[in-house]
Amino acid sequence: MSINATLIIQMIVFAILVWFTMRFVWPPLTAALDERAKKIAEGLSAADKAKSDLAVANQRVEQQLSAARDDAAKRLADAERLAQQLVEEAKSRASDEGAKIIAAAKAEAEQEAVKARETLREQVAGLAVKGAEAILRREVNPAVHAELLSRLKTEL
């Protein structure tokens, strides 16, 4: 009887242990496991959401970088076009100024030439008057006249 009574007592103790475990130990363990699983699931969900947010942010950054590059290229092209236009305007102004300077120099040279001609005419007229005076003061002699005319030629 001892085997049977021991077996029955062990079965009763085992049943009490199972009941105690199911009643007091098992629910907190399952609750802790469920909560841990829930936190892990939330963490994975947050990681997936962060990945998708990162992908969207990277895409937005790429779009903004592309827009910035395009804007920079446009501004550079505009600056180059403006610089070329300024160079062309400067060349045009320099050409105009050069033409004005050349025209002024030509006009001044023409005026100087006119002044020199006037001075030369005055000198020639003075010499002609001197020559005529000298001829008239001396007697009318063809040899002397020829000599005076030759001197006048050399002076001119």
N, C-alpha and C. Protein backbone atom coordinates (compact mmCIF):
# COMPACT_ATOMS: atom_id res chain seq x y z
N MET A 1 0.79 -1.16 0.00
CA MET A 1 0.00 0.00 0.00
C MET A 1 0.85 1.24 0.00
N SER A 2 1.95 1.04 0.35
CA SER A 2 2.80 2.19 0.43
C SER A 2 3.09 2.74 -0.96
N ILE A 3 3.17 1.90 -1.94
CA ILE A 3 3.45 2.40 -3.29
C ILE A 3 2.20 3.11 -3.81
N ASN A 4 1.12 2.58 -3.52
CA ASN A 4 -0.10 3.19 -4.00
C ASN A 4 -0.38 4.49 -3.28
N ALA A 5 -0.20 4.51 -1.98
CA ALA A 5 -0.46 5.73 -1.22
C ALA A 5 0.56 6.78 -1.61
N THR A 6 1.80 6.40 -1.79
CA THR A 6 2.83 7.35 -2.18
C THR A 6 2.52 7.89 -3.57
N LEU A 7 2.09 7.02 -4.41
CA LEU A 7 1.77 7.45 -5.77
C LEU A 7 0.59 8.39 -5.76
N ILE A 8 -0.40 8.11 -4.96
CA ILE A 8 -1.58 8.97 -4.91
C ILE A 8 -1.19 10.31 -4.27
N ILE A 9 -0.41 10.29 -3.23
CA ILE A 9 0.01 11.53 -2.57
C ILE A 9 0.87 12.34 -3.54
N GLN A 10 1.72 11.68 -4.27
CA GLN A 10 2.55 12.40 -5.24
C GLN A 10 1.67 12.98 -6.34
N MET A 11 0.67 12.27 -6.73
CA MET A 11 -0.24 12.78 -7.76
C MET A 11 -1.01 13.98 -7.23
N ILE A 12 -1.43 13.90 -5.97
CA ILE A 12 -2.16 15.03 -5.37
C ILE A 12 -1.22 16.23 -5.25
N VAL A 13 0.01 16.01 -4.80
CA VAL A 13 0.98 17.10 -4.69
C VAL A 13 1.27 17.67 -6.09
N PHE A 14 1.39 16.79 -7.06
CA PHE A 14 1.64 17.25 -8.44
C PHE A 14 0.46 18.06 -8.94
N ALA A 15 -0.77 17.63 -8.68
CA ALA A 15 -1.96 18.34 -9.11
C ALA A 15 -2.01 19.71 -8.43
N ILE A 16 -1.67 19.76 -7.13
CA ILE A 16 -1.66 21.03 -6.41
C ILE A 16 -0.59 21.95 -7.02
N LEU A 17 0.55 21.37 -7.32
CA LEU A 17 1.63 22.15 -7.94
C LEU A 17 1.19 22.68 -9.29
N VAL A 18 0.53 21.87 -10.09
CA VAL A 18 0.06 22.30 -11.42
C VAL A 18 -0.99 23.39 -11.23
N TRP A 19 -1.93 23.18 -10.28
CA TRP A 19 -2.97 24.19 -10.05
C TRP A 19 -2.32 25.49 -9.57
N PHE A 20 -1.38 25.42 -8.61
CA PHE A 20 -0.70 26.62 -8.09
C PHE A 20 0.06 27.32 -9.21
N THR A 21 0.75 26.56 -10.02
CA THR A 21 1.52 27.14 -11.13
C THR A 21 0.57 27.79 -12.13
N MET A 22 -0.52 27.12 -12.47
CA MET A 22 -1.47 27.66 -13.44
C MET A 22 -2.18 28.90 -12.87
N ARG A 23 -2.37 28.94 -11.60
CA ARG A 23 -3.12 30.02 -10.98
C ARG A 23 -2.22 31.22 -10.68
N PHE A 24 -1.04 31.02 -10.12
CA PHE A 24 -0.24 32.14 -9.64
C PHE A 24 1.07 32.39 -10.41
N VAL A 25 1.67 31.41 -10.98
CA VAL A 25 2.96 31.58 -11.65
C VAL A 25 2.78 31.81 -13.15
N TRP A 26 1.98 31.00 -13.77
CA TRP A 26 1.83 31.05 -15.22
C TRP A 26 1.28 32.38 -15.74
N PRO A 27 0.21 32.97 -15.17
CA PRO A 27 -0.30 34.24 -15.72
C PRO A 27 0.73 35.37 -15.72
N PRO A 28 1.52 35.62 -14.67
CA PRO A 28 2.52 36.68 -14.79
C PRO A 28 3.58 36.36 -15.83
N LEU A 29 3.96 35.09 -15.95
CA LEU A 29 4.96 34.72 -16.98
C LEU A 29 4.42 34.96 -18.37
N THR A 30 3.20 34.55 -18.63
CA THR A 30 2.61 34.76 -19.97
C THR A 30 2.39 36.25 -20.22
N ALA A 31 2.00 36.98 -19.19
CA ALA A 31 1.82 38.43 -19.36
C ALA A 31 3.16 39.09 -19.69
N ALA A 32 4.22 38.70 -19.00
CA ALA A 32 5.55 39.26 -19.26
C ALA A 32 6.02 38.91 -20.66
N LEU A 33 5.78 37.64 -21.07
CA LEU A 33 6.16 37.22 -22.42
C LEU A 33 5.35 37.96 -23.48
N ASP A 34 4.04 38.11 -23.21
CA ASP A 34 3.20 38.85 -24.18
C ASP A 34 3.64 40.31 -24.29
N GLU A 35 3.94 40.92 -23.15
CA GLU A 35 4.38 42.31 -23.17
C GLU A 35 5.72 42.45 -23.90
N ARG A 36 6.60 41.51 -23.65
CA ARG A 36 7.91 41.54 -24.33
C ARG A 36 7.72 41.37 -25.84
N ALA A 37 6.85 40.47 -26.25
CA ALA A 37 6.56 40.26 -27.68
C ALA A 37 5.95 41.53 -28.28
N LYS A 38 5.07 42.18 -27.49
CA LYS A 38 4.44 43.41 -27.97
C LYS A 38 5.49 44.50 -28.15
N LYS A 39 6.42 44.64 -27.20
CA LYS A 39 7.49 45.64 -27.31
C LYS A 39 8.39 45.36 -28.49
N ILE A 40 8.71 44.09 -28.69
CA ILE A 40 9.54 43.72 -29.85
C ILE A 40 8.83 44.06 -31.15
N ALA A 41 7.53 43.75 -31.22
CA ALA A 41 6.75 44.05 -32.42
C ALA A 41 6.69 45.57 -32.65
N GLU A 42 6.49 46.33 -31.58
CA GLU A 42 6.47 47.79 -31.70
C GLU A 42 7.83 48.32 -32.16
N GLY A 43 8.90 47.74 -31.61
CA GLY A 43 10.25 48.14 -32.02
C GLY A 43 10.50 47.85 -33.49
N LEU A 44 10.07 46.66 -33.93
CA LEU A 44 10.24 46.32 -35.35
C LEU A 44 9.39 47.24 -36.23
N SER A 45 8.18 47.54 -35.77
CA SER A 45 7.31 48.44 -36.53
C SER A 45 7.94 49.83 -36.60
N ALA A 46 8.47 50.29 -35.48
CA ALA A 46 9.12 51.61 -35.46
C ALA A 46 10.35 51.61 -36.37
N ALA A 47 11.10 50.52 -36.37
CA ALA A 47 12.28 50.42 -37.24
C ALA A 47 11.86 50.47 -38.71
N ASP A 48 10.79 49.73 -39.06
CA ASP A 48 10.30 49.75 -40.44
C ASP A 48 9.82 51.15 -40.82
N LYS A 49 9.10 51.79 -39.88
CA LYS A 49 8.62 53.14 -40.15
C LYS A 49 9.80 54.09 -40.31
N ALA A 50 10.82 53.94 -39.47
CA ALA A 50 12.01 54.79 -39.56
C ALA A 50 12.74 54.57 -40.89
N LYS A 51 12.78 53.29 -41.34
CA LYS A 51 13.41 53.01 -42.64
C LYS A 51 12.65 53.70 -43.77
N SER A 52 11.32 53.60 -43.73
CA SER A 52 10.53 54.23 -44.79
C SER A 52 10.66 55.75 -44.71
N ASP A 53 10.67 56.30 -43.48
CA ASP A 53 10.85 57.75 -43.32
C ASP A 53 12.23 58.18 -43.83
N LEU A 54 13.24 57.35 -43.55
CA LEU A 54 14.59 57.66 -44.03
C LEU A 54 14.64 57.62 -45.55
N ALA A 55 13.97 56.65 -46.14
CA ALA A 55 13.94 56.55 -47.61
C ALA A 55 13.26 57.79 -48.21
N VAL A 56 12.14 58.19 -47.59
CA VAL A 56 11.41 59.37 -48.08
C VAL A 56 12.29 60.62 -47.91
N ALA A 57 12.96 60.72 -46.75
CA ALA A 57 13.83 61.87 -46.51
C ALA A 57 14.99 61.89 -47.49
N ASN A 58 15.58 60.73 -47.76
CA ASN A 58 16.68 60.66 -48.75
C ASN A 58 16.19 61.08 -50.13
N GLN A 59 14.99 60.63 -50.47
CA GLN A 59 14.44 60.99 -51.78
C GLN A 59 14.21 62.51 -51.85
N ARG A 60 13.68 63.08 -50.77
CA ARG A 60 13.44 64.52 -50.72
C ARG A 60 14.77 65.28 -50.80
N VAL A 61 15.78 64.78 -50.11
CA VAL A 61 17.10 65.42 -50.15
C VAL A 61 17.67 65.37 -51.56
N GLU A 62 17.53 64.23 -52.23
CA GLU A 62 18.01 64.10 -53.61
C GLU A 62 17.29 65.09 -54.53
N GLN A 63 15.98 65.21 -54.34
CA GLN A 63 15.22 66.16 -55.15
C GLN A 63 15.70 67.59 -54.90
N GLN A 64 15.91 67.93 -53.63
CA GLN A 64 16.36 69.27 -53.31
C GLN A 64 17.77 69.52 -53.84
N LEU A 65 18.64 68.51 -53.74
CA LEU A 65 19.99 68.65 -54.29
C LEU A 65 19.94 68.83 -55.80
N SER A 66 19.08 68.06 -56.45
CA SER A 66 18.95 68.18 -57.90
C SER A 66 18.45 69.58 -58.27
N ALA A 67 17.45 70.05 -57.51
CA ALA A 67 16.93 71.40 -57.78
C ALA A 67 18.01 72.45 -57.54
N ALA A 68 18.79 72.26 -56.48
CA ALA A 68 19.87 73.21 -56.19
C ALA A 68 20.93 73.19 -57.28
N ARG A 69 21.26 72.00 -57.77
CA ARG A 69 22.25 71.90 -58.86
C ARG A 69 21.73 72.59 -60.11
N ASP A 70 20.44 72.35 -60.43
CA ASP A 70 19.86 72.99 -61.60
C ASP A 70 19.86 74.51 -61.45
N ASP A 71 19.50 74.97 -60.24
CA ASP A 71 19.48 76.40 -59.99
C ASP A 71 20.88 76.99 -60.11
N ALA A 72 21.87 76.27 -59.56
CA ALA A 72 23.26 76.75 -59.65
C ALA A 72 23.72 76.79 -61.10
N ALA A 73 23.34 75.78 -61.87
CA ALA A 73 23.73 75.76 -63.29
C ALA A 73 23.08 76.93 -64.04
N LYS A 74 21.80 77.21 -63.73
CA LYS A 74 21.12 78.34 -64.37
C LYS A 74 21.80 79.65 -64.00
N ARG A 75 22.11 79.80 -62.72
CA ARG A 75 22.74 81.05 -62.28
C ARG A 75 24.11 81.20 -62.92
N LEU A 76 24.85 80.10 -63.03
CA LEU A 76 26.17 80.16 -63.66
C LEU A 76 26.05 80.54 -65.13
N ALA A 77 25.07 79.95 -65.81
CA ALA A 77 24.86 80.28 -67.22
C ALA A 77 24.46 81.75 -67.36
N ASP A 78 23.58 82.22 -66.47
CA ASP A 78 23.18 83.63 -66.52
C ASP A 78 24.37 84.54 -66.27
N ALA A 79 25.20 84.17 -65.31
CA ALA A 79 26.39 84.99 -65.00
C ALA A 79 27.35 85.01 -66.18
N GLU A 80 27.54 83.87 -66.82
CA GLU A 80 28.43 83.82 -67.98
C GLU A 80 27.87 84.65 -69.13
N ARG A 81 26.55 84.56 -69.34
CA ARG A 81 25.92 85.33 -70.40
C ARG A 81 26.04 86.83 -70.10
N LEU A 82 25.83 87.21 -68.84
CA LEU A 82 25.95 88.62 -68.46
C LEU A 82 27.39 89.10 -68.63
N ALA A 83 28.35 88.26 -68.23
CA ALA A 83 29.76 88.64 -68.38
C ALA A 83 30.10 88.82 -69.86
N GLN A 84 29.62 87.91 -70.71
CA GLN A 84 29.88 88.02 -72.16
C GLN A 84 29.25 89.30 -72.71
N GLN A 85 28.04 89.60 -72.23
CA GLN A 85 27.37 90.81 -72.69
C GLN A 85 28.14 92.05 -72.25
N LEU A 86 28.63 92.05 -71.01
CA LEU A 86 29.41 93.18 -70.52
C LEU A 86 30.71 93.34 -71.31
N VAL A 87 31.34 92.22 -71.65
CA VAL A 87 32.57 92.28 -72.45
C VAL A 87 32.26 92.87 -73.83
N GLU A 88 31.16 92.42 -74.43
CA GLU A 88 30.80 92.94 -75.75
C GLU A 88 30.49 94.43 -75.68
N GLU A 89 29.78 94.84 -74.62
CA GLU A 89 29.49 96.27 -74.48
C GLU A 89 30.77 97.08 -74.29
N ALA A 90 31.69 96.54 -73.49
CA ALA A 90 32.96 97.24 -73.26
C ALA A 90 33.75 97.34 -74.57
N LYS A 91 33.75 96.26 -75.36
CA LYS A 91 34.44 96.30 -76.66
C LYS A 91 33.81 97.35 -77.57
N SER A 92 32.48 97.38 -77.57
CA SER A 92 31.77 98.33 -78.42
C SER A 92 32.09 99.76 -77.99
N ARG A 93 32.06 100.00 -76.66
CA ARG A 93 32.38 101.34 -76.17
C ARG A 93 33.83 101.71 -76.49
N ALA A 94 34.75 100.75 -76.32
CA ALA A 94 36.15 101.02 -76.62
C ALA A 94 36.33 101.31 -78.11
N SER A 95 35.63 100.57 -78.95
CA SER A 95 35.71 100.81 -80.39
C SER A 95 35.17 102.20 -80.73
N ASP A 96 34.05 102.56 -80.10
CA ASP A 96 33.49 103.90 -80.34
C ASP A 96 34.45 104.98 -79.87
N GLU A 97 35.02 104.79 -78.69
CA GLU A 97 35.97 105.76 -78.17
C GLU A 97 37.20 105.87 -79.08
N GLY A 98 37.67 104.72 -79.56
CA GLY A 98 38.82 104.72 -80.47
C GLY A 98 38.50 105.46 -81.76
N ALA A 99 37.29 105.25 -82.28
CA ALA A 99 36.89 105.96 -83.51
C ALA A 99 36.82 107.46 -83.25
N LYS A 100 36.30 107.84 -82.08
CA LYS A 100 36.22 109.27 -81.75
C LYS A 100 37.62 109.87 -81.62
N ILE A 101 38.52 109.13 -80.97
CA ILE A 101 39.89 109.63 -80.80
C ILE A 101 40.58 109.78 -82.15
N ILE A 102 40.38 108.77 -83.01
CA ILE A 102 40.98 108.82 -84.35
C ILE A 102 40.41 110.00 -85.14
N ALA A 103 39.09 110.19 -85.06
CA ALA A 103 38.46 111.31 -85.78
C ALA A 103 38.98 112.64 -85.25
N ALA A 104 39.12 112.74 -83.91
CA ALA A 104 39.64 113.98 -83.33
C ALA A 104 41.08 114.21 -83.76
N ALA A 105 41.88 113.14 -83.79
CA ALA A 105 43.28 113.27 -84.20
C ALA A 105 43.36 113.69 -85.67
N LYS A 106 42.50 113.10 -86.50
CA LYS A 106 42.50 113.48 -87.92
C LYS A 106 42.10 114.94 -88.07
N ALA A 107 41.08 115.36 -87.33
CA ALA A 107 40.63 116.75 -87.42
C ALA A 107 41.73 117.69 -86.96
N GLU A 108 42.40 117.31 -85.87
CA GLU A 108 43.49 118.14 -85.35
C GLU A 108 44.64 118.19 -86.35
N ALA A 109 44.97 117.05 -86.97
CA ALA A 109 46.04 117.03 -87.97
C ALA A 109 45.66 117.89 -89.17
N GLU A 110 44.39 117.83 -89.55
CA GLU A 110 43.92 118.64 -90.68
C GLU A 110 44.03 120.13 -90.33
N GLN A 111 43.66 120.47 -89.10
CA GLN A 111 43.77 121.86 -88.67
C GLN A 111 45.22 122.32 -88.65
N GLU A 112 46.10 121.46 -88.17
CA GLU A 112 47.53 121.78 -88.15
C GLU A 112 48.06 121.97 -89.57
N ALA A 113 47.61 121.08 -90.48
CA ALA A 113 48.04 121.21 -91.88
C ALA A 113 47.55 122.52 -92.47
N VAL A 114 46.29 122.89 -92.15
CA VAL A 114 45.74 124.15 -92.67
C VAL A 114 46.53 125.32 -92.11
N LYS A 115 46.84 125.26 -90.79
CA LYS A 115 47.64 126.33 -90.19
C LYS A 115 49.02 126.42 -90.83
N ALA A 116 49.63 125.22 -91.06
CA ALA A 116 50.96 125.22 -91.68
C ALA A 116 50.90 125.80 -93.09
N ARG A 117 49.85 125.49 -93.85
CA ARG A 117 49.70 126.04 -95.20
C ARG A 117 49.54 127.56 -95.14
N GLU A 118 48.70 127.99 -94.18
CA GLU A 118 48.49 129.44 -94.04
C GLU A 118 49.81 130.15 -93.69
N THR A 119 50.55 129.54 -92.77
CA THR A 119 51.84 130.12 -92.39
C THR A 119 52.78 130.13 -93.58
N LEU A 120 52.81 129.02 -94.33
CA LEU A 120 53.67 128.93 -95.51
C LEU A 120 53.26 129.96 -96.55
N ARG A 121 51.96 130.16 -96.75
CA ARG A 121 51.49 131.15 -97.71
C ARG A 121 51.92 132.55 -97.30
N GLU A 122 51.78 132.80 -95.97
CA GLU A 122 52.20 134.11 -95.49
C GLU A 122 53.69 134.33 -95.73
N GLN A 123 54.47 133.27 -95.45
CA GLN A 123 55.92 133.39 -95.65
C GLN A 123 56.26 133.56 -97.13
N VAL A 124 55.58 132.78 -97.98
CA VAL A 124 55.82 132.89 -99.43
C VAL A 124 55.42 134.28 -99.91
N ALA A 125 54.30 134.78 -99.39
CA ALA A 125 53.85 136.12 -99.80
C ALA A 125 54.88 137.16 -99.35
N GLY A 126 55.36 136.98 -98.10
CA GLY A 126 56.37 137.91 -97.60
C GLY A 126 57.63 137.86 -98.44
N LEU A 127 58.07 136.65 -98.79
CA LEU A 127 59.26 136.51 -99.63
C LEU A 127 59.04 137.09 -101.02
N ALA A 128 57.83 136.87 -101.54
CA ALA A 128 57.52 137.42 -102.88
C ALA A 128 57.56 138.94 -102.84
N VAL A 129 57.01 139.49 -101.75
CA VAL A 129 57.03 140.96 -101.63
C VAL A 129 58.47 141.44 -101.49
N LYS A 130 59.27 140.73 -100.67
CA LYS A 130 60.68 141.10 -100.52
C LYS A 130 61.41 141.03 -101.86
N GLY A 131 61.14 139.93 -102.59
CA GLY A 131 61.78 139.75 -103.90
C GLY A 131 61.37 140.86 -104.86
N ALA A 132 60.09 141.20 -104.86
CA ALA A 132 59.61 142.26 -105.75
C ALA A 132 60.22 143.59 -105.34
N GLU A 133 60.33 143.80 -104.04
CA GLU A 133 60.94 145.03 -103.53
C GLU A 133 62.39 145.14 -103.97
N ALA A 134 63.08 144.00 -103.80
CA ALA A 134 64.49 144.01 -104.18
C ALA A 134 64.64 144.24 -105.67
N ILE A 135 63.77 143.66 -106.45
CA ILE A 135 63.84 143.85 -107.91
C ILE A 135 63.55 145.29 -108.25
N LEU A 136 62.57 145.87 -107.61
CA LEU A 136 62.20 147.24 -107.92
C LEU A 136 63.24 148.23 -107.42
N ARG A 137 63.95 147.96 -106.39
CA ARG A 137 64.97 148.86 -105.87
C ARG A 137 66.18 148.90 -106.79
N ARG A 138 66.50 147.81 -107.32
CA ARG A 138 67.63 147.80 -108.23
C ARG A 138 67.15 148.18 -109.60
N GLU A 139 68.05 148.39 -110.35
CA GLU A 139 67.67 148.74 -111.71
C GLU A 139 67.19 147.52 -112.44
N VAL A 140 66.50 147.72 -113.41
CA VAL A 140 65.94 146.63 -114.18
C VAL A 140 67.04 146.09 -115.06
N ASN A 141 67.53 144.92 -114.67
CA ASN A 141 68.62 144.27 -115.38
C ASN A 141 68.29 142.78 -115.40
N PRO A 142 68.24 142.19 -116.63
CA PRO A 142 67.83 140.79 -116.70
C PRO A 142 68.79 139.85 -115.96
N ALA A 143 70.04 140.12 -115.93
CA ALA A 143 70.99 139.24 -115.25
C ALA A 143 70.76 139.30 -113.75
N VAL A 144 70.57 140.51 -113.26
CA VAL A 144 70.32 140.68 -111.82
C VAL A 144 68.99 140.05 -111.45
N HIS A 145 67.98 140.21 -112.31
CA HIS A 145 66.66 139.63 -112.07
C HIS A 145 66.77 138.12 -112.01
N ALA A 146 67.50 137.54 -112.90
CA ALA A 146 67.67 136.09 -112.92
C ALA A 146 68.36 135.63 -111.65
N GLU A 147 69.38 136.39 -111.21
CA GLU A 147 70.08 136.04 -109.98
C GLU A 147 69.14 136.14 -108.78
N LEU A 148 68.36 137.20 -108.71
CA LEU A 148 67.40 137.37 -107.61
C LEU A 148 66.35 136.26 -107.63
N LEU A 149 65.86 135.92 -108.79
CA LEU A 149 64.87 134.86 -108.90
C LEU A 149 65.45 133.51 -108.49
N SER A 150 66.71 133.26 -108.83
CA SER A 150 67.33 131.99 -108.44
C SER A 150 67.50 131.94 -106.90
N ARG A 151 67.87 133.09 -106.28
CA ARG A 151 67.98 133.14 -104.81
C ARG A 151 66.60 132.93 -104.17
N LEU A 152 65.58 133.49 -104.77
CA LEU A 152 64.22 133.34 -104.27
C LEU A 152 63.76 131.88 -104.35
N LYS A 153 64.17 131.22 -105.42
CA LYS A 153 63.83 129.79 -105.58
C LYS A 153 64.48 128.96 -104.49
N THR A 154 65.75 129.30 -104.22
CA THR A 154 66.44 128.51 -103.20
C THR A 154 65.84 128.77 -101.81
N GLU A 155 65.37 129.98 -101.55
CA GLU A 155 64.75 130.30 -100.26
C GLU A 155 63.42 129.59 -100.09
N LEU A 156 62.71 129.45 -101.19
CA LEU A 156 61.41 128.76 -101.12
C LEU A 156 61.63 127.28 -100.94
